């Protein structure tokens, strides 16, 4: 009978310790939930970056294969003109493009 009481007390203490370890400890349930939330956020960032990567790959492919698109990008981004074109810059500030 004495051994039975000892085992009951031992298993009760062990249960409290394991319960504390599962819920209250830094490696327990709260840490798991925080890591799961962080993983979900990082997966969202990863999918956005993958979509951006796909768009950039399409643009690279288009820049290397489509000469007209390349010319339009150079003209818009670098403000290049063709030899037969003239650039007029008005003095009035209302015609300027906003940044």
C-alpha atoms as a PDB file:
ATOM      1  CA  UNK A   1       0.000   0.000   0.000  1.00  0.00           C
ATOM      2  CA  UNK A   2       2.886   2.313   0.749  1.00  0.00           C
ATOM      3  CA  UNK A   3       4.325   1.710  -2.732  1.00  0.00           C
ATOM      4  CA  UNK A   4       0.931   2.520  -4.290  1.00  0.00           C
ATOM      5  CA  UNK A   5       0.821   5.920  -2.537  1.00  0.00           C
ATOM      6  CA  UNK A   6       4.383   6.582  -3.603  1.00  0.00           C
ATOM      7  CA  UNK A   7       3.575   5.746  -7.234  1.00  0.00           C
ATOM      8  CA  UNK A   8       0.449   7.948  -7.173  1.00  0.00           C
ATOM      9  CA  UNK A   9       2.417  10.896  -5.793  1.00  0.00           C
ATOM     10  CA  UNK A  10       5.239  10.262  -8.247  1.00  0.00           C
ATOM     11  CA  UNK A  11       2.884  10.154 -11.250  1.00  0.00           C
ATOM     12  CA  UNK A  12       1.023  13.217 -10.012  1.00  0.00           C
ATOM     13  CA  UNK A  13       4.258  15.195  -9.742  1.00  0.00           C
ATOM     14  CA  UNK A  14       5.358  13.848 -13.121  1.00  0.00           C
ATOM     15  CA  UNK A  15       2.028  14.915 -14.666  1.00  0.00           C
ATOM     16  CA  UNK A  16       2.372  18.449 -13.285  1.00  0.00           C
ATOM     17  CA  UNK A  17       5.936  18.674 -14.540  1.00  0.00           C
ATOM     18  CA  UNK A  18       5.032  17.427 -18.013  1.00  0.00           C
ATOM     19  CA  UNK A  19       1.975  19.724 -18.153  1.00  0.00           C
ATOM     20  CA  UNK A  20       4.118  22.726 -17.195  1.00  0.00           C
ATOM     21  CA  UNK A  21       6.711  21.674 -19.751  1.00  0.00           C
ATOM     22  CA  UNK A  22       4.039  21.370 -22.457  1.00  0.00           C
ATOM     23  CA  UNK A  23       2.265  24.672 -21.807  1.00  0.00           C
ATOM     24  CA  UNK A  24       4.395  27.008 -19.737  1.00  0.00           C
ATOM     25  CA  UNK A  25       7.959  26.328 -20.761  1.00  0.00           C
ATOM     26  CA  UNK A  26       9.753  28.328 -23.433  1.00  0.00           C
ATOM     27  CA  UNK A  27       9.856  25.268 -25.702  1.00  0.00           C
ATOM     28  CA  UNK A  28       6.199  24.462 -25.125  1.00  0.00           C
ATOM     29  CA  UNK A  29       2.894  25.125 -26.819  1.00  0.00           C
ATOM     30  CA  UNK A  30       3.203  28.929 -26.915  1.00  0.00           C
ATOM     31  CA  UNK A  31       6.542  28.683 -28.682  1.00  0.00           C
ATOM     32  CA  UNK A  32       5.046  26.253 -31.182  1.00  0.00           C
ATOM     33  CA  UNK A  33       2.116  28.583 -31.889  1.00  0.00           C
ATOM     34  CA  UNK A  34       4.446  31.569 -32.333  1.00  0.00           C
ATOM     35  CA  UNK A  35       6.652  29.623 -34.717  1.00  0.00           C
ATOM     36  CA  UNK A  36       3.624  28.455 -36.708  1.00  0.00           C
ATOM     37  CA  UNK A  37       2.378  32.039 -37.068  1.00  0.00           C
ATOM     38  CA  UNK A  38       5.836  33.187 -38.112  1.00  0.00           C
ATOM     39  CA  UNK A  39       6.014  30.384 -40.680  1.00  0.00           C
ATOM     40  CA  UNK A  40       2.676  31.460 -42.157  1.00  0.00           C
ATOM     41  CA  UNK A  41       3.904  35.050 -42.488  1.00  0.00           C
ATOM     42  CA  UNK A  42       7.143  33.911 -44.109  1.00  0.00           C
ATOM     43  CA  UNK A  43       5.262  31.675 -46.549  1.00  0.00           C
ATOM     44  CA  UNK A  44       3.165  34.707 -47.537  1.00  0.00           C
ATOM     45  CA  UNK A  45       6.333  36.720 -48.139  1.00  0.00           C
ATOM     46  CA  UNK A  46       7.799  33.835 -50.109  1.00  0.00           C
ATOM     47  CA  UNK A  47       4.798  33.590 -52.396  1.00  0.00           C
ATOM     48  CA  UNK A  48       4.907  37.346 -53.042  1.00  0.00           C
ATOM     49  CA  UNK A  49       8.617  37.149 -53.866  1.00  0.00           C
ATOM     50  CA  UNK A  50       8.036  34.167 -56.153  1.00  0.00           C
ATOM     51  CA  UNK A  51       5.350  36.112 -58.021  1.00  0.00           C
ATOM     52  CA  UNK A  52       7.735  39.048 -58.357  1.00  0.00           C
ATOM     53  CA  UNK A  53      10.426  36.662 -59.600  1.00  0.00           C
ATOM     54  CA  UNK A  54       8.073  35.300 -62.263  1.00  0.00           C
ATOM     55  CA  UNK A  55       7.198  38.818 -63.408  1.00  0.00           C
ATOM     56  CA  UNK A  56      10.866  39.789 -63.617  1.00  0.00           C
ATOM     57  CA  UNK A  57      11.660  36.620 -65.568  1.00  0.00           C
ATOM     58  CA  UNK A  58       8.901  37.462 -68.040  1.00  0.00           C
ATOM     59  CA  UNK A  59      10.260  40.984 -68.416  1.00  0.00           C
ATOM     60  CA  UNK A  60      13.803  39.696 -68.965  1.00  0.00           C
ATOM     61  CA  UNK A  61      12.552  37.271 -71.583  1.00  0.00           C
ATOM     62  CA  UNK A  62      10.626  40.064 -73.273  1.00  0.00           C
ATOM     63  CA  UNK A  63      13.616  42.439 -73.154  1.00  0.00           C
ATOM     64  CA  UNK A  64      15.859  39.853 -74.779  1.00  0.00           C
ATOM     65  CA  UNK A  65      13.425  38.760 -77.472  1.00  0.00           C
ATOM     66  CA  UNK A  66      11.204  41.758 -78.321  1.00  0.00           C
ATOM     67  CA  UNK A  67      13.175  44.586 -79.884  1.00  0.00           C
ATOM     68  CA  UNK A  68      10.233  47.008 -79.955  1.00  0.00           C
ATOM     69  CA  UNK A  69       9.608  46.524 -76.251  1.00  0.00           C
ATOM     70  CA  UNK A  70      13.290  47.051 -75.533  1.00  0.00           C
ATOM     71  CA  UNK A  71      13.244  50.281 -77.513  1.00  0.00           C
ATOM     72  CA  UNK A  72      10.160  51.535 -75.692  1.00  0.00           C
ATOM     73  CA  UNK A  73      11.708  50.766 -72.301  1.00  0.00           C
ATOM     74  CA  UNK A  74      14.926  52.573 -73.235  1.00  0.00           C
ATOM     75  CA  UNK A  75      12.969  55.575 -74.460  1.00  0.00           C
ATOM     76  CA  UNK A  76      10.812  55.795 -71.351  1.00  0.00           C
ATOM     77  CA  UNK A  77      13.382  54.916 -68.701  1.00  0.00           C
ATOM     78  CA  UNK A  78      16.437  56.673 -70.162  1.00  0.00           C
ATOM     79  CA  UNK A  79      14.625  59.459 -72.040  1.00  0.00           C
ATOM     80  CA  UNK A  80      16.249  58.600 -75.361  1.00  0.00           C
ATOM     81  CA  UNK A  81      15.085  60.105 -78.620  1.00  0.00           C
ATOM     82  CA  UNK A  82      15.315  58.893 -82.164  1.00  0.00           C
ATOM     83  CA  UNK A  83      17.588  60.881 -84.481  1.00  0.00           C
ATOM     84  CA  UNK A  84      14.629  62.485 -86.254  1.00  0.00           C
ATOM     85  CA  UNK A  85      12.764  63.507 -83.072  1.00  0.00           C
ATOM     86  CA  UNK A  86      12.814  66.832 -81.240  1.00  0.00           C
ATOM     87  CA  UNK A  87      12.122  67.190 -77.552  1.00  0.00           C
ATOM     88  CA  UNK A  88      10.090  70.196 -76.467  1.00  0.00           C
ATOM     89  CA  UNK A  89      10.176  71.175 -72.809  1.00  0.00           C
ATOM     90  CA  UNK A  90       7.488  73.730 -71.904  1.00  0.00           C
ATOM     91  CA  UNK A  91       8.361  76.537 -69.507  1.00  0.00           C
ATOM     92  CA  UNK A  92       5.128  76.278 -67.632  1.00  0.00           C
ATOM     93  CA  UNK A  93       5.433  73.938 -64.611  1.00  0.00           C
ATOM     94  CA  UNK A  94       1.875  72.652 -65.023  1.00  0.00           C
ATOM     95  CA  UNK A  95       2.992  70.511 -67.979  1.00  0.00           C
ATOM     96  CA  UNK A  96       5.664  68.685 -66.019  1.00  0.00           C
ATOM     97  CA  UNK A  97       5.080  65.182 -64.939  1.00  0.00           C
ATOM     98  CA  UNK A  98       4.842  64.593 -61.225  1.00  0.00           C
ATOM     99  CA  UNK A  99       7.420  62.177 -59.813  1.00  0.00           C
END
